[in-house]
Amino acid sequence: MKKRLLPILTGLLLVSIIMVQCKKNPDDVFVLKAPSQSITFTNVSDFIIDSTGKTINIQAKVSSRESLQKIEIIYQPWNIAKTISVSGNDYTLNEPVLIPTNAALQIHSITLKATDSKGATNFIEIKIGLQDLNFNKIYLADVADASSLAGNLYGVPAPMNKIASHTFQMIYYAKTAGVKIRFIPNKTSFTPIAVGIDPNNALKLITDGTKSLPITLGAAGYYKITINTLLLNYTVESYTPTGTAPAQVAFVGRGFYDYPNMNWQNTLPDIILLDKDPVNPFLFTKMLKLGTPAGSTYASAQFIMTTNNGWTDFWRFDDGTAPALAVFNGGVNTDIPITTTPVTYLFVFDAQTNLVQAIKQ
């Protein structure tokens, strides 16, 4: 079956085509039988739907060896029961269908049924998935594929703040020029939804992960990024950091494989100073192995961050097992399961945004 895509609608697509032929038994009940070539459907349209209340056009070319008699469009939950009288061996259908504003957020099946002059019938089911785009959470992904989302300890992709209905915002630091970003509600996948630029209109967003394009940022630096998943628009603004960057940041705690003596001391050499970025004074990183050191028996990594000034100022985390943000002078310690087999991560802390990451190497 030949399909084509209608580009005017955006959002989640879930469309499949089922072709069968049916006939009535003496009790006036439809009985399915193997598909017949007497009636065929081509040029069947797929739909990408982002919200209810829209009008879509059911499109298909219907062909029959015998003269066609009628075409029916049927879907009881939306009170659709339309019969179109036709004639000839071919008919091109282009029929508007309104998706009700109260349509359930589920898979819906609209039946297109054709009957020829001898009573033979065939039909297709067009399955339309409606998805609520007012996500509880959405994440900024600055990686190209789903494989780069997997295996990280925490913070990848980075969570955005939900500031209003359908509206998400975050301050993001691009370490290099030309960083490409999209936005995903599923932390581990770019399908079915990955919000990005509409290839037909760079000022608008679409949600279809197979078609959306990444937003490309300009020079390295901080950006304030805002997206709206209902209006499907976005803004990207340069952002100037505020406040004073800490002179030093250190990990304090235990669970770092190459630091067997480290166990909640708060001074060198039994803390781990992070490396301050030479360009961005708010950015700190360190490549470290997480695991139970030789001679130890504990099975969880428990740590916080300090300014290497005793316990005067510190950061704990918003979540102990899957942190995304550091909490200045608050939060909880990490409590991350580890084994005697170490795993290497690049730990990242942005003291301007409080974003934290542990990226598997």
Protein backbone atom coordinates (compact mmCIF):
# COMPACT_ATOMS: atom_id res chain seq x y z
CA MET A 1 0.00 0.00 0.00
CA LYS A 2 1.36 3.37 -0.93
CA LYS A 3 1.25 6.00 1.80
CA ARG A 4 2.03 9.68 1.97
CA LEU A 5 2.41 12.02 4.89
CA LEU A 6 0.31 15.10 5.57
CA PRO A 7 2.82 17.71 6.81
CA ILE A 8 0.32 20.21 8.26
CA LEU A 9 -0.22 18.41 11.57
CA THR A 10 2.41 17.69 14.20
CA GLY A 11 2.72 15.47 17.25
CA LEU A 12 2.53 11.76 17.97
CA LEU A 13 1.85 9.39 15.09
CA LEU A 14 0.46 5.95 15.53
CA VAL A 15 -1.11 4.77 12.29
CA SER A 16 -1.42 1.27 10.94
CA ILE A 17 -3.43 -0.09 8.04
CA ILE A 18 -5.35 -3.36 8.17
CA MET A 19 -6.92 -4.59 4.93
CA VAL A 20 -9.49 -7.34 5.01
CA GLN A 21 -12.58 -8.23 3.04
CA CYS A 22 -15.83 -9.03 4.74
CA LYS A 23 -19.25 -10.40 3.88
CA LYS A 24 -22.53 -10.88 5.70
CA ASN A 25 -23.81 -14.19 6.88
CA PRO A 26 -27.57 -14.91 6.86
CA ASP A 27 -27.90 -13.36 10.34
CA ASP A 28 -26.71 -10.03 8.97
CA VAL A 29 -23.41 -10.28 10.89
CA PHE A 30 -20.17 -9.32 9.20
CA VAL A 31 -17.70 -12.17 8.80
CA LEU A 32 -14.10 -11.53 7.86
CA LYS A 33 -12.43 -13.45 5.06
CA ALA A 34 -9.12 -13.23 3.23
CA PRO A 35 -8.42 -9.93 1.43
CA SER A 36 -9.69 -9.75 -2.15
CA GLN A 37 -8.18 -7.86 -5.04
CA SER A 38 -11.65 -6.77 -6.21
CA ILE A 39 -11.46 -3.57 -4.12
CA THR A 40 -8.13 -1.95 -3.28
CA PHE A 41 -6.96 1.18 -1.46
CA THR A 42 -3.94 3.29 -2.44
CA ASN A 43 -2.57 6.75 -1.58
CA VAL A 44 -3.78 6.28 1.98
CA SER A 45 -2.87 9.23 4.18
CA ASP A 46 -1.07 8.96 7.50
CA PHE A 47 -1.66 11.60 10.16
CA ILE A 48 0.54 13.24 12.76
CA ILE A 49 -1.71 14.69 15.46
CA ASP A 50 -0.60 17.06 18.21
CA SER A 51 -3.94 17.95 19.82
CA THR A 52 -7.69 17.50 19.72
CA GLY A 53 -10.14 19.86 18.04
CA LYS A 54 -8.41 19.69 14.67
CA THR A 55 -9.82 18.70 11.31
CA ILE A 56 -8.01 15.99 9.38
CA ASN A 57 -8.73 14.81 5.86
CA ILE A 58 -9.23 11.11 5.26
CA GLN A 59 -7.61 10.53 1.88
CA ALA A 60 -7.45 7.43 -0.28
CA LYS A 61 -7.85 6.25 -3.84
CA VAL A 62 -10.38 3.41 -3.95
CA SER A 63 -10.38 1.10 -6.99
CA SER A 64 -12.60 -1.83 -7.95
CA ARG A 65 -12.93 -4.25 -10.86
CA GLU A 66 -16.67 -3.74 -10.62
CA SER A 67 -18.28 -0.33 -10.46
CA LEU A 68 -18.11 1.17 -6.97
CA GLN A 69 -21.40 1.81 -5.23
CA LYS A 70 -20.61 3.53 -1.92
CA ILE A 71 -17.87 4.43 0.53
CA GLU A 72 -18.52 4.64 4.26
CA ILE A 73 -16.50 6.42 6.96
CA ILE A 74 -17.32 4.97 10.37
CA TYR A 75 -16.20 5.66 13.94
CA GLN A 76 -18.91 5.42 16.58
CA PRO A 77 -17.07 7.11 19.52
CA TRP A 78 -16.86 10.31 17.47
CA ASN A 79 -20.37 9.87 16.02
CA ILE A 80 -18.98 9.42 12.52
CA ALA A 81 -21.22 7.45 10.16
CA LYS A 82 -21.02 8.96 6.71
CA THR A 83 -22.00 7.25 3.44
CA ILE A 84 -20.84 8.63 0.10
CA SER A 85 -22.58 7.35 -3.04
CA VAL A 86 -20.07 6.81 -5.85
CA SER A 87 -19.85 5.23 -9.29
CA GLY A 88 -17.15 4.09 -11.68
CA ASN A 89 -14.15 1.90 -11.01
CA ASP A 90 -12.04 4.53 -9.22
CA TYR A 91 -12.80 7.15 -6.61
CA THR A 92 -10.46 9.63 -4.93
CA LEU A 93 -11.56 10.30 -1.36
CA ASN A 94 -10.67 13.53 0.45
CA GLU A 95 -13.10 13.82 3.32
CA PRO A 96 -12.70 16.15 6.35
CA VAL A 97 -13.07 14.63 9.82
CA LEU A 98 -13.17 16.71 12.99
CA ILE A 99 -11.35 15.30 16.01
CA PRO A 100 -13.61 16.20 18.98
CA THR A 101 -12.12 18.39 21.68
CA ASN A 102 -13.09 15.76 24.25
CA ALA A 103 -11.52 12.87 22.33
CA ALA A 104 -9.82 10.41 24.66
CA LEU A 105 -6.03 10.35 24.69
CA GLN A 106 -5.76 6.85 23.26
CA ILE A 107 -5.61 5.02 19.94
CA HIS A 108 -8.67 5.62 17.75
CA SER A 109 -9.60 3.61 14.64
CA ILE A 110 -11.58 5.19 11.79
CA THR A 111 -12.96 2.61 9.38
CA LEU A 112 -13.09 3.32 5.64
CA LYS A 113 -15.33 0.76 3.94
CA ALA A 114 -16.02 0.40 0.20
CA THR A 115 -18.80 -1.58 -1.50
CA ASP A 116 -19.06 -2.36 -5.22
CA SER A 117 -22.13 -2.89 -7.39
CA LYS A 118 -22.09 -6.65 -6.74
CA GLY A 119 -22.03 -6.23 -2.97
CA ALA A 120 -18.37 -7.10 -2.44
CA THR A 121 -16.75 -5.07 0.32
CA ASN A 122 -13.34 -4.25 1.68
CA PHE A 123 -12.18 -1.85 4.38
CA ILE A 124 -9.18 -0.32 6.05
CA GLU A 125 -8.74 0.85 9.62
CA ILE A 126 -6.76 4.04 10.18
CA LYS A 127 -5.45 4.11 13.74
CA ILE A 128 -4.88 7.59 15.14
CA GLY A 129 -3.01 8.06 18.42
CA LEU A 130 -3.72 11.17 20.49
CA GLN A 131 -1.09 12.16 23.05
CA ASP A 132 -1.24 14.70 25.87
CA LEU A 133 1.67 17.07 25.26
CA ASN A 134 1.39 18.76 28.67
CA PHE A 135 4.18 16.59 30.04
CA ASN A 136 5.03 16.47 33.72
CA LYS A 137 8.70 16.50 32.73
CA ILE A 138 10.69 17.13 29.61
CA TYR A 139 14.44 16.89 29.15
CA LEU A 140 17.00 18.74 27.07
CA ALA A 141 19.08 16.28 25.07
CA ASP A 142 22.36 17.49 23.60
CA VAL A 143 23.36 14.12 22.15
CA ALA A 144 22.64 12.83 18.66
CA ASP A 145 21.21 9.38 19.28
CA ALA A 146 19.51 7.20 21.86
CA SER A 147 22.66 5.16 22.53
CA SER A 148 24.24 8.24 24.10
CA LEU A 149 21.29 8.55 26.49
CA ALA A 150 21.89 5.08 27.91
CA GLY A 151 24.34 3.93 30.56
CA ASN A 152 24.93 7.28 32.25
CA LEU A 153 24.71 7.42 36.03
CA TYR A 154 22.65 10.59 36.29
CA GLY A 155 21.83 13.97 34.75
CA VAL A 156 21.67 12.90 31.08
CA PRO A 157 19.46 14.17 29.56
CA ALA A 158 19.07 17.35 31.62
CA PRO A 159 15.64 18.19 33.10
CA MET A 160 13.91 21.44 32.20
CA ASN A 161 11.80 23.47 34.63
CA LYS A 162 8.05 23.43 34.03
CA ILE A 163 7.10 27.09 34.52
CA ALA A 164 3.50 26.92 33.24
CA SER A 165 1.13 24.59 31.42
CA HIS A 166 2.95 23.15 28.37
CA THR A 167 5.85 25.58 29.02
CA PHE A 168 9.38 24.48 29.93
CA GLN A 169 12.52 26.51 30.50
CA MET A 170 16.13 26.07 31.55
CA ILE A 171 19.46 27.84 31.66
CA TYR A 172 21.90 25.74 29.66
CA TYR A 173 25.64 26.06 29.17
CA ALA A 174 26.98 25.16 25.73
CA LYS A 175 30.64 24.31 26.14
CA THR A 176 31.33 24.61 22.41
CA ALA A 177 29.80 26.47 19.49
CA GLY A 178 27.12 24.77 17.42
CA VAL A 179 25.68 22.47 20.08
CA LYS A 180 22.53 20.74 18.79
CA ILE A 181 19.61 20.17 21.15
CA ARG A 182 16.16 18.57 21.14
CA PHE A 183 13.64 17.95 23.90
CA ILE A 184 12.28 14.57 24.97
CA PRO A 185 9.71 13.39 27.55
CA ASN A 186 11.25 9.90 27.57
CA LYS A 187 14.74 10.01 29.10
CA THR A 188 15.96 7.04 27.07
CA SER A 189 14.53 7.57 23.59
CA PHE A 190 13.99 10.04 20.75
CA THR A 191 10.86 8.17 19.62
CA PRO A 192 8.03 8.59 19.31
CA ILE A 193 8.38 12.14 20.62
CA ALA A 194 11.40 14.41 20.27
CA VAL A 195 10.52 18.09 20.12
CA GLY A 196 12.60 19.94 17.56
CA ILE A 197 12.45 22.32 14.64
CA ASP A 198 9.87 21.80 11.92
CA PRO A 199 11.86 21.14 8.72
CA ASN A 200 9.24 23.16 6.83
CA ASN A 201 9.25 26.14 9.23
CA ALA A 202 12.32 26.97 11.31
CA LEU A 203 10.26 29.21 13.61
CA LYS A 204 8.04 26.35 14.76
CA LEU A 205 8.48 23.04 16.54
CA ILE A 206 7.16 19.59 15.77
CA THR A 207 7.05 16.59 18.06
CA ASP A 208 7.60 13.67 15.69
CA GLY A 209 11.00 12.27 16.67
CA THR A 210 11.59 10.83 13.20
CA LYS A 211 11.27 14.23 11.52
CA SER A 212 12.12 17.00 13.99
CA LEU A 213 15.46 18.77 13.56
CA PRO A 214 17.70 19.92 16.42
CA ILE A 215 18.03 23.55 17.42
CA THR A 216 21.61 24.61 16.76
CA LEU A 217 23.01 27.03 19.34
CA GLY A 218 25.49 29.73 18.43
CA ALA A 219 28.71 30.50 20.28
CA ALA A 220 29.76 28.75 23.46
CA GLY A 221 28.09 30.22 26.53
CA TYR A 222 24.93 30.27 28.59
CA TYR A 223 21.46 30.31 27.04
CA LYS A 224 17.94 30.69 28.39
CA ILE A 225 15.83 28.21 26.42
CA THR A 226 12.02 28.15 26.54
CA ILE A 227 9.66 25.82 24.67
CA ASN A 228 5.87 25.50 24.54
CA THR A 229 4.54 22.08 23.56
CA LEU A 230 1.01 23.35 22.90
CA LEU A 231 1.81 26.37 20.74
CA LEU A 232 4.90 24.56 19.42
CA ASN A 233 7.12 27.61 19.61
CA TYR A 234 10.45 28.33 21.28
CA THR A 235 12.90 31.06 22.23
CA VAL A 236 16.67 30.89 22.67
CA GLU A 237 18.32 33.87 24.39
CA SER A 238 21.88 34.54 25.47
CA TYR A 239 22.16 34.52 29.25
CA THR A 240 24.67 36.30 31.48
CA PRO A 241 25.67 34.36 34.61
CA THR A 242 24.98 35.96 37.97
CA GLY A 243 26.75 35.73 41.31
CA THR A 244 30.29 34.65 42.13
CA ALA A 245 31.70 31.29 41.13
CA PRO A 246 33.19 29.20 43.95
CA ALA A 247 36.96 29.06 43.96
CA GLN A 248 36.95 25.30 44.51
CA VAL A 249 34.50 22.42 44.58
CA ALA A 250 35.30 19.00 46.04
CA PHE A 251 33.62 15.63 46.48
CA VAL A 252 33.39 14.49 50.10
CA GLY A 253 32.19 11.03 51.10
CA ARG A 254 33.00 7.53 49.90
CA GLY A 255 32.55 5.19 46.94
CA PHE A 256 35.37 6.38 44.66
CA TYR A 257 37.39 3.35 43.62
CA ASP A 258 40.81 5.01 43.47
CA TYR A 259 40.41 6.70 46.88
CA PRO A 260 40.37 3.79 49.38
CA ASN A 261 41.06 5.99 52.41
CA MET A 262 38.27 8.45 51.62
CA ASN A 263 35.43 8.15 54.16
CA TRP A 264 33.79 11.49 54.94
CA GLN A 265 36.91 13.44 55.82
CA ASN A 266 36.60 17.10 54.84
CA THR A 267 40.20 18.01 54.05
CA LEU A 268 42.86 17.00 51.56
CA PRO A 269 44.13 14.42 50.70
CA ASP A 270 40.89 12.57 51.47
CA ILE A 271 38.59 14.73 49.40
CA ILE A 272 38.54 15.05 45.60
CA LEU A 273 39.01 18.51 44.11
CA LEU A 274 37.14 18.91 40.83
CA ASP A 275 38.82 20.59 37.86
CA LYS A 276 37.66 24.14 37.21
CA ASP A 277 37.00 24.89 33.54
CA PRO A 278 39.58 27.36 32.14
CA VAL A 279 36.86 29.33 30.31
CA ASN A 280 33.76 29.05 32.50
CA PRO A 281 34.53 29.61 36.21
CA PHE A 282 31.18 28.07 37.21
CA LEU A 283 31.90 24.74 35.51
CA PHE A 284 33.67 21.90 37.35
CA THR A 285 34.46 18.41 36.03
CA LYS A 286 36.37 15.29 37.06
CA MET A 287 36.93 11.85 35.51
CA LEU A 288 36.49 9.29 38.30
CA LYS A 289 35.87 5.60 38.89
CA LEU A 290 32.87 4.78 41.03
CA GLY A 291 33.11 1.46 42.87
CA THR A 292 33.91 -0.21 46.17
CA PRO A 293 37.66 0.22 46.81
CA ALA A 294 39.85 -2.76 47.61
CA GLY A 295 39.66 -3.59 51.31
CA SER A 296 36.21 -2.01 51.77
CA THR A 297 32.87 -3.79 52.09
CA TYR A 298 30.29 -1.03 51.67
CA ALA A 299 28.05 -1.25 48.59
CA SER A 300 26.85 2.29 47.99
CA ALA A 301 28.49 5.54 46.96
CA GLN A 302 27.56 8.29 49.39
CA PHE A 303 28.89 11.76 48.74
CA ILE A 304 28.20 15.48 48.65
CA MET A 305 30.14 18.50 47.33
CA THR A 306 31.84 21.23 49.35
CA THR A 307 33.81 24.40 48.66
CA ASN A 308 36.89 22.85 50.36
CA ASN A 309 36.30 25.07 53.36
CA GLY A 310 35.41 22.53 56.00
CA TRP A 311 31.64 22.17 56.16
CA THR A 312 30.94 25.90 55.73
CA ASP A 313 29.25 25.66 52.34
CA PHE A 314 28.15 22.50 50.60
CA TRP A 315 25.80 21.03 48.02
CA ARG A 316 23.73 17.93 48.45
CA PHE A 317 21.33 16.67 45.79
CA ASP A 318 17.65 16.72 44.86
CA ASP A 319 17.58 12.90 44.74
CA GLY A 320 19.85 10.38 46.40
CA THR A 321 19.90 7.72 43.69
CA ALA A 322 19.23 9.68 40.48
CA PRO A 323 20.19 13.30 41.09
CA ALA A 324 19.70 16.00 38.48
CA LEU A 325 20.36 19.12 40.54
CA ALA A 326 22.67 20.14 43.35
CA VAL A 327 20.99 21.84 46.32
CA PHE A 328 23.10 24.53 48.00
CA ASN A 329 23.29 23.97 51.78
CA GLY A 330 20.39 21.50 51.54
CA GLY A 331 19.22 18.35 49.79
CA VAL A 332 20.21 14.73 50.45
CA ASN A 333 23.40 12.69 50.18
CA THR A 334 23.76 10.32 47.27
CA ASP A 335 23.14 6.64 47.98
CA ILE A 336 24.08 4.97 44.70
CA PRO A 337 24.61 1.18 44.52
CA ILE A 338 28.17 0.15 43.56
CA THR A 339 30.19 -3.05 43.30
CA THR A 340 33.86 -3.99 43.39
CA THR A 341 33.89 -3.61 39.59
CA PRO A 342 34.46 0.10 39.00
CA VAL A 343 32.73 2.18 36.32
CA THR A 344 34.32 5.35 34.95
CA TYR A 345 32.23 8.52 34.68
CA LEU A 346 32.86 12.13 33.80
CA PHE A 347 31.32 14.04 36.70
CA VAL A 348 30.06 17.52 35.81
CA PHE A 349 28.81 20.29 38.10
CA ASP A 350 27.62 23.70 36.93
CA ALA A 351 27.54 26.03 39.94
CA GLN A 352 25.53 28.60 37.95
CA THR A 353 22.62 26.30 37.07
CA ASN A 354 23.20 23.61 39.75
CA LEU A 355 22.93 20.94 37.05
CA VAL A 356 24.90 17.76 37.81
CA GLN A 357 25.83 14.90 35.51
CA ALA A 358 27.75 11.64 35.63
CA ILE A 359 28.44 10.60 32.04
CA LYS A 360 29.63 7.06 31.41
CA GLN A 361 32.97 6.84 29.60
